Amino acid sequence: RDIDKWNNVVKEIRDDLPYLSTAMAKIRARVVSK
């Protein structure tokens, strides 16, 4: 709400979602219920 956190890290954008470049694994998920 206050800052752009993703500007402070090395990131990559894939299919319009951000991921940490240094992550040991990356997952994209779509909500089906809540």
All heavy atoms as atom14 arrays in JSON, in Angstrom:
{
  "sequence": "RDIDKWNNVVKEIRDDLPYLSTAMAKIRARVVSK",
  "atom14_mask": [
    [1, 1, 1, 1, 1, 1, 1, 1, 1, 1, 1, 0, 0, 0],
    [1, 1, 1, 1, 1, 1, 1, 1, 0, 0, 0, 0, 0, 0],
    [1, 1, 1, 1, 1, 1, 1, 1, 0, 0, 0, 0, 0, 0],
    [1, 1, 1, 1, 1, 1, 1, 1, 0, 0, 0, 0, 0, 0],
    [1, 1, 1, 1, 1, 1, 1, 1, 1, 0, 0, 0, 0, 0],
    [1, 1, 1, 1, 1, 1, 1, 1, 1, 1, 1, 1, 1, 1],
    [1, 1, 1, 1, 1, 1, 1, 1, 0, 0, 0, 0, 0, 0],
    [1, 1, 1, 1, 1, 1, 1, 1, 0, 0, 0, 0, 0, 0],
    [1, 1, 1, 1, 1, 1, 1, 0, 0, 0, 0, 0, 0, 0],
    [1, 1, 1, 1, 1, 1, 1, 0, 0, 0, 0, 0, 0, 0],
    [1, 1, 1, 1, 1, 1, 1, 1, 1, 0, 0, 0, 0, 0],
    [1, 1, 1, 1, 1, 1, 1, 1, 1, 0, 0, 0, 0, 0],
    [1, 1, 1, 1, 1, 1, 1, 1, 0, 0, 0, 0, 0, 0],
    [1, 1, 1, 1, 1, 1, 1, 1, 1, 1, 1, 0, 0, 0],
    [1, 1, 1, 1, 1, 1, 1, 1, 0, 0, 0, 0, 0, 0],
    [1, 1, 1, 1, 1, 1, 1, 1, 0, 0, 0, 0, 0, 0],
    [1, 1, 1, 1, 1, 1, 1, 1, 0, 0, 0, 0, 0, 0],
    [1, 1, 1, 1, 1, 1, 1, 0, 0, 0, 0, 0, 0, 0],
    [1, 1, 1, 1, 1, 1, 1, 1, 1, 1, 1, 1, 0, 0],
    [1, 1, 1, 1, 1, 1, 1, 1, 0, 0, 0, 0, 0, 0],
    [1, 1, 1, 1, 1, 1, 0, 0, 0, 0, 0, 0, 0, 0],
    [1, 1, 1, 1, 1, 1, 1, 0, 0, 0, 0, 0, 0, 0],
    [1, 1, 1, 1, 1, 0, 0, 0, 0, 0, 0, 0, 0, 0],
    [1, 1, 1, 1, 1, 1, 1, 1, 0, 0, 0, 0, 0, 0],
    [1, 1, 1, 1, 1, 0, 0, 0, 0, 0, 0, 0, 0, 0],
    [1, 1, 1, 1, 1, 1, 1, 1, 1, 0, 0, 0, 0, 0],
    [1, 1, 1, 1, 1, 1, 1, 1, 0, 0, 0, 0, 0, 0],
    [1, 1, 1, 1, 1, 1, 1, 1, 1, 1, 1, 0, 0, 0],
    [1, 1, 1, 1, 1, 0, 0, 0, 0, 0, 0, 0, 0, 0],
    [1, 1, 1, 1, 1, 1, 1, 1, 1, 1, 1, 0, 0, 0],
    [1, 1, 1, 1, 1, 1, 1, 0, 0, 0, 0, 0, 0, 0],
    [1, 1, 1, 1, 1, 1, 1, 0, 0, 0, 0, 0, 0, 0],
    [1, 1, 1, 1, 1, 1, 0, 0, 0, 0, 0, 0, 0, 0],
    [1, 1, 1, 1, 1, 1, 1, 1, 1, 0, 0, 0, 0, 0]
  ],
  "atom14_positions": [
    [[0.84, -1.21, 0.0], [0.0, 0.0, 0.0], [0.88, 1.26, 0.0], [0.49, 2.3, -0.53], [-0.92, -0.02, 1.23], [-1.89, 1.15, 1.32], [-2.78, 1.02, 2.54], [-3.77, -0.03, 2.36], [-3.71, -1.23, 2.93], [-2.69, -1.54, 3.72], [-4.66, -2.12, 2.73], [0.0, 0.0, 0.0], [0.0, 0.0, 0.0], [0.0, 0.0, 0.0]],
    [[2.08, 1.16, 0.57], [2.96, 2.31, 0.73], [4.08, 2.38, -0.29], [4.5, 3.46, -0.69], [3.58, 2.3, 2.14], [2.53, 2.28, 3.23], [1.5, 2.95, 3.06], [2.75, 1.59, 4.24], [0.0, 0.0, 0.0], [0.0, 0.0, 0.0], [0.0, 0.0, 0.0], [0.0, 0.0, 0.0], [0.0, 0.0, 0.0], [0.0, 0.0, 0.0]],
    [[4.61, 1.23, -0.7], [5.78, 1.23, -1.59], [5.64, 0.15, -2.65], [4.8, -0.75, -2.54], [7.09, 0.98, -0.81], [7.08, -0.43, -0.2], [7.31, 2.02, 0.27], [8.42, -0.86, 0.31], [0.0, 0.0, 0.0], [0.0, 0.0, 0.0], [0.0, 0.0, 0.0], [0.0, 0.0, 0.0], [0.0, 0.0, 0.0], [0.0, 0.0, 0.0]],
    [[6.48, 0.23, -3.67], [6.55, -0.79, -4.71], [7.65, -1.78, -4.34], [8.83, -1.57, -4.63], [6.84, -0.14, -6.07], [6.69, -1.13, -7.22], [6.79, -2.35, -6.97], [6.46, -0.68, -8.35], [0.0, 0.0, 0.0], [0.0, 0.0, 0.0], [0.0, 0.0, 0.0], [0.0, 0.0, 0.0], [0.0, 0.0, 0.0], [0.0, 0.0, 0.0]],
    [[7.28, -2.85, -3.67], [8.26, -3.81, -3.17], [9.06, -4.47, -4.3], [10.25, -4.76, -4.14], [7.56, -4.91, -2.35], [6.83, -4.41, -1.11], [6.2, -5.58, -0.39], [5.39, -5.15, 0.81], [4.79, -6.29, 1.52], [0.0, 0.0, 0.0], [0.0, 0.0, 0.0], [0.0, 0.0, 0.0], [0.0, 0.0, 0.0], [0.0, 0.0, 0.0]],
    [[8.41, -4.72, -5.42], [9.08, -5.44, -6.49], [10.18, -4.62, -7.14], [11.05, -5.18, -7.82], [8.05, -5.91, -7.52], [7.21, -7.04, -7.0], [5.94, -6.96, -6.51], [7.59, -8.41, -6.9], [5.51, -8.2, -6.1], [6.5, -9.1, -6.33], [8.74, -9.12, -7.24], [6.53, -10.48, -6.1], [8.78, -10.49, -7.0], [7.68, -11.15, -6.44]],
    [[10.16, -3.31, -6.95], [11.25, -2.47, -7.47], [12.53, -2.64, -6.65], [13.6, -2.19, -7.08], [10.85, -0.99, -7.46], [10.11, -0.6, -8.73], [10.07, -1.36, -9.7], [9.53, 0.57, -8.74], [0.0, 0.0, 0.0], [0.0, 0.0, 0.0], [0.0, 0.0, 0.0], [0.0, 0.0, 0.0], [0.0, 0.0, 0.0], [0.0, 0.0, 0.0]],
    [[12.43, -3.26, -5.46], [13.57, -3.4, -4.57], [14.3, -4.73, -4.71], [15.27, -4.97, -3.99], [13.11, -3.24, -3.11], [12.51, -1.88, -2.83], [12.87, -0.9, -3.47], [11.59, -1.82, -1.88], [0.0, 0.0, 0.0], [0.0, 0.0, 0.0], [0.0, 0.0, 0.0], [0.0, 0.0, 0.0], [0.0, 0.0, 0.0], [0.0, 0.0, 0.0]],
    [[13.82, -5.59, -5.6], [14.43, -6.92, -5.76], [14.66, -7.22, -7.24], [14.1, -6.56, -8.11], [13.52, -8.03, -5.16], [13.36, -7.85, -3.66], [12.15, -8.03, -5.85], [0.0, 0.0, 0.0], [0.0, 0.0, 0.0], [0.0, 0.0, 0.0], [0.0, 0.0, 0.0], [0.0, 0.0, 0.0], [0.0, 0.0, 0.0], [0.0, 0.0, 0.0]],
    [[15.5, -8.23, -7.49], [15.69, -8.7, -8.86], [14.53, -9.63, -9.19], [14.33, -10.65, -8.51], [17.03, -9.45, -9.01], [17.21, -9.93, -10.44], [18.19, -8.55, -8.6], [0.0, 0.0, 0.0], [0.0, 0.0, 0.0], [0.0, 0.0, 0.0], [0.0, 0.0, 0.0], [0.0, 0.0, 0.0], [0.0, 0.0, 0.0], [0.0, 0.0, 0.0]],
    [[13.76, -9.26, -10.18], [12.52, -10.0, -10.47], [12.45, -10.37, -11.95], [13.22, -9.88, -12.77], [11.3, -9.16, -10.11], [11.12, -7.92, -10.97], [9.88, -7.14, -10.54], [9.65, -5.9, -11.41], [10.75, -4.91, -11.28], [0.0, 0.0, 0.0], [0.0, 0.0, 0.0], [0.0, 0.0, 0.0], [0.0, 0.0, 0.0], [0.0, 0.0, 0.0]],
    [[11.51, -11.23, -12.26], [11.16, -11.52, -13.64], [9.64, -11.54, -13.75], [8.95, -11.89, -12.78], [11.76, -12.84, -14.1], [11.28, -14.06, -13.31], [11.96, -15.33, -13.78], [13.13, -15.53, -13.42], [11.31, -16.11, -14.5], [0.0, 0.0, 0.0], [0.0, 0.0, 0.0], [0.0, 0.0, 0.0], [0.0, 0.0, 0.0], [0.0, 0.0, 0.0]],
    [[9.16, -11.16, -14.91], [7.71, -11.15, -15.15], [7.39, -12.26, -16.14], [8.01, -12.36, -17.21], [7.24, -9.8, -15.72], [7.68, -8.65, -14.81], [5.72, -9.8, -15.88], [7.17, -8.73, -13.39], [0.0, 0.0, 0.0], [0.0, 0.0, 0.0], [0.0, 0.0, 0.0], [0.0, 0.0, 0.0], [0.0, 0.0, 0.0], [0.0, 0.0, 0.0]],
    [[6.45, -13.1, -15.78], [6.04, -14.2, -16.66], [4.51, -14.24, -16.69], [3.88, -14.36, -15.65], [6.62, -15.52, -16.18], [6.22, -16.74, -17.0], [7.19, -17.85, -16.74], [6.75, -19.13, -17.27], [7.56, -20.13, -17.57], [8.87, -20.0, -17.4], [7.11, -21.29, -18.02], [0.0, 0.0, 0.0], [0.0, 0.0, 0.0], [0.0, 0.0, 0.0]],
    [[3.96, -14.1, -17.88], [2.49, -14.08, -18.04], [1.86, -13.07, -17.11], [0.83, -13.32, -16.47], [1.9, -15.47, -17.81], [2.36, -16.48, -18.85], [2.59, -16.07, -20.0], [2.49, -17.67, -18.51], [0.0, 0.0, 0.0], [0.0, 0.0, 0.0], [0.0, 0.0, 0.0], [0.0, 0.0, 0.0], [0.0, 0.0, 0.0], [0.0, 0.0, 0.0]],
    [[2.5, -11.91, -17.02], [1.99, -10.75, -16.28], [1.89, -10.96, -14.78], [1.06, -10.34, -14.11], [0.62, -10.33, -16.84], [0.43, -8.81, -16.76], [1.44, -8.09, -16.65], [-0.73, -8.35, -16.81], [0.0, 0.0, 0.0], [0.0, 0.0, 0.0], [0.0, 0.0, 0.0], [0.0, 0.0, 0.0], [0.0, 0.0, 0.0], [0.0, 0.0, 0.0]],
    [[2.77, -11.8, -14.24], [2.89, -11.95, -12.78], [4.37, -11.89, -12.41], [5.23, -12.36, -13.16], [2.28, -13.27, -12.3], [0.77, -13.33, -12.16], [0.33, -14.73, -11.73], [0.23, -12.3, -11.19], [0.0, 0.0, 0.0], [0.0, 0.0, 0.0], [0.0, 0.0, 0.0], [0.0, 0.0, 0.0], [0.0, 0.0, 0.0], [0.0, 0.0, 0.0]],
    [[4.69, -11.33, -11.22], [6.09, -11.19, -10.82], [6.6, -12.39, -10.03], [5.86, -13.02, -9.26], [6.04, -9.95, -9.92], [4.69, -10.05, -9.26], [3.76, -10.67, -10.28], [0.0, 0.0, 0.0], [0.0, 0.0, 0.0], [0.0, 0.0, 0.0], [0.0, 0.0, 0.0], [0.0, 0.0, 0.0], [0.0, 0.0, 0.0], [0.0, 0.0, 0.0]],
    [[7.89, -12.68, -10.21], [8.56, -13.75, -9.48], [9.95, -13.26, -9.07], [10.58, -12.49, -9.79], [8.73, -15.01, -10.33], [7.44, -15.61, -10.82], [6.85, -15.15, -12.0], [6.81, -16.62, -10.12], [5.66, -15.69, -12.46], [5.62, -17.19, -10.57], [5.05, -16.72, -11.74], [3.86, -17.25, -12.2], [0.0, 0.0, 0.0], [0.0, 0.0, 0.0]],
    [[10.44, -13.74, -7.94], [11.81, -13.47, -7.54], [12.75, -14.28, -8.43], [12.6, -15.5, -8.57], [12.04, -13.89, -6.08], [11.49, -12.98, -4.98], [11.64, -13.68, -3.64], [12.2, -11.64, -4.97], [0.0, 0.0, 0.0], [0.0, 0.0, 0.0], [0.0, 0.0, 0.0], [0.0, 0.0, 0.0], [0.0, 0.0, 0.0], [0.0, 0.0, 0.0]],
    [[13.73, -13.61, -9.01], [14.69, -14.32, -9.85], [15.48, -15.35, -9.06], [15.91, -16.37, -9.6], [15.64, -13.32, -10.51], [14.93, -12.46, -11.38], [0.0, 0.0, 0.0], [0.0, 0.0, 0.0], [0.0, 0.0, 0.0], [0.0, 0.0, 0.0], [0.0, 0.0, 0.0], [0.0, 0.0, 0.0], [0.0, 0.0, 0.0], [0.0, 0.0, 0.0]],
    [[15.67, -15.1, -7.76], [16.47, -16.0, -6.92], [15.66, -17.13, -6.29], [16.22, -17.94, -5.53], [17.13, -15.19, -5.79], [16.1, -14.5, -5.05], [18.11, -14.18, -6.35], [0.0, 0.0, 0.0], [0.0, 0.0, 0.0], [0.0, 0.0, 0.0], [0.0, 0.0, 0.0], [0.0, 0.0, 0.0], [0.0, 0.0, 0.0], [0.0, 0.0, 0.0]],
    [[14.36, -17.2, -6.56], [13.52, -18.23, -5.94], [13.98, -19.63, -6.33], [14.47, -19.85, -7.44], [12.06, -18.03, -6.34], [0.0, 0.0, 0.0], [0.0, 0.0, 0.0], [0.0, 0.0, 0.0], [0.0, 0.0, 0.0], [0.0, 0.0, 0.0], [0.0, 0.0, 0.0], [0.0, 0.0, 0.0], [0.0, 0.0, 0.0], [0.0, 0.0, 0.0]],
    [[13.81, -20.59, -5.41], [14.23, -21.96, -5.72], [13.18, -22.69, -6.55], [13.45, -23.75, -7.11], [14.52, -22.73, -4.43], [13.36, -22.97, -3.5], [13.83, -24.06, -2.12], [14.0, -25.64, -2.98], [0.0, 0.0, 0.0], [0.0, 0.0, 0.0], [0.0, 0.0, 0.0], [0.0, 0.0, 0.0], [0.0, 0.0, 0.0], [0.0, 0.0, 0.0]],
    [[11.96, -22.12, -6.62], [10.91, -22.65, -7.49], [9.84, -21.57, -7.64], [9.7, -20.7, -6.77], [10.3, -23.92, -6.92], [0.0, 0.0, 0.0], [0.0, 0.0, 0.0], [0.0, 0.0, 0.0], [0.0, 0.0, 0.0], [0.0, 0.0, 0.0], [0.0, 0.0, 0.0], [0.0, 0.0, 0.0], [0.0, 0.0, 0.0], [0.0, 0.0, 0.0]],
    [[9.11, -21.62, -8.76], [8.11, -20.59, -9.05], [6.82, -21.26, -9.5], [6.85, -22.21, -10.28], [8.64, -19.64, -10.13], [9.94, -18.94, -9.7], [10.74, -18.41, -10.87], [12.11, -17.93, -10.41], [12.99, -17.54, -11.53], [0.0, 0.0, 0.0], [0.0, 0.0, 0.0], [0.0, 0.0, 0.0], [0.0, 0.0, 0.0], [0.0, 0.0, 0.0]],
    [[5.71, -20.74, -8.99], [4.4, -21.36, -9.24], [3.38, -20.28, -9.59], [3.35, -19.22, -8.95], [3.92, -22.14, -7.99], [4.9, -23.26, -7.65], [2.51, -22.7, -8.2], [4.66, -23.89, -6.28], [0.0, 0.0, 0.0], [0.0, 0.0, 0.0], [0.0, 0.0, 0.0], [0.0, 0.0, 0.0], [0.0, 0.0, 0.0], [0.0, 0.0, 0.0]],
    [[2.58, -20.55, -10.59], [1.46, -19.68, -10.94], [0.18, -20.45, -10.66], [0.07, -21.64, -11.0], [1.51, -19.28, -12.41], [0.29, -18.47, -12.88], [0.26, -18.33, -14.4], [-0.96, -17.66, -14.84], [-1.06, -16.36, -15.05], [-0.01, -15.57, -14.86], [-2.2, -15.84, -15.46], [0.0, 0.0, 0.0], [0.0, 0.0, 0.0], [0.0, 0.0, 0.0]],
    [[-0.8, -19.8, -10.02], [-2.04, -20.49, -9.66], [-3.24, -19.59, -9.92], [-3.16, -18.36, -9.83], [-2.02, -20.92, -8.2], [0.0, 0.0, 0.0], [0.0, 0.0, 0.0], [0.0, 0.0, 0.0], [0.0, 0.0, 0.0], [0.0, 0.0, 0.0], [0.0, 0.0, 0.0], [0.0, 0.0, 0.0], [0.0, 0.0, 0.0], [0.0, 0.0, 0.0]],
    [[-4.36, -20.24, -10.25], [-5.62, -19.52, -10.49], [-6.65, -19.94, -9.45], [-6.88, -21.14, -9.23], [-6.15, -19.8, -11.9], [-7.46, -19.05, -12.22], [-7.85, -19.19, -13.68], [-6.83, -18.6, -14.54], [-6.78, -17.3, -14.84], [-7.69, -16.48, -14.34], [-5.84, -16.86, -15.64], [0.0, 0.0, 0.0], [0.0, 0.0, 0.0], [0.0, 0.0, 0.0]],
    [[-7.28, -18.98, -8.81], [-8.24, -19.24, -7.74], [-9.5, -19.9, -8.32], [-10.06, -19.43, -9.32], [-8.62, -17.93, -7.02], [-9.71, -18.19, -5.97], [-7.39, -17.29, -6.38], [0.0, 0.0, 0.0], [0.0, 0.0, 0.0], [0.0, 0.0, 0.0], [0.0, 0.0, 0.0], [0.0, 0.0, 0.0], [0.0, 0.0, 0.0], [0.0, 0.0, 0.0]],
    [[-9.93, -20.98, -7.67], [-11.17, -21.64, -8.08], [-12.26, -21.48, -7.02], [-13.45, -21.57, -7.33], [-10.94, -23.13, -8.39], [-9.98, -23.28, -9.57], [-10.4, -23.88, -7.18], [0.0, 0.0, 0.0], [0.0, 0.0, 0.0], [0.0, 0.0, 0.0], [0.0, 0.0, 0.0], [0.0, 0.0, 0.0], [0.0, 0.0, 0.0], [0.0, 0.0, 0.0]],
    [[-11.85, -21.25, -5.77], [-12.83, -21.01, -4.72], [-12.13, -20.37, -3.53], [-10.91, -20.37, -3.43], [-13.52, -22.31, -4.27], [-12.6, -23.19, -3.67], [0.0, 0.0, 0.0], [0.0, 0.0, 0.0], [0.0, 0.0, 0.0], [0.0, 0.0, 0.0], [0.0, 0.0, 0.0], [0.0, 0.0, 0.0], [0.0, 0.0, 0.0], [0.0, 0.0, 0.0]],
    [[-12.93, -19.83, -2.62], [-12.35, -19.23, -1.41], [-13.3, -19.41, -0.25], [-14.52, -19.58, -0.43], [-12.04, -17.75, -1.62], [-13.25, -16.85, -1.73], [-12.83, -15.38, -1.83], [-14.05, -14.47, -1.87], [-13.66, -13.03, -1.92], [0.0, 0.0, 0.0], [0.0, 0.0, 0.0], [0.0, 0.0, 0.0], [0.0, 0.0, 0.0], [0.0, 0.0, 0.0]]
  ]
}
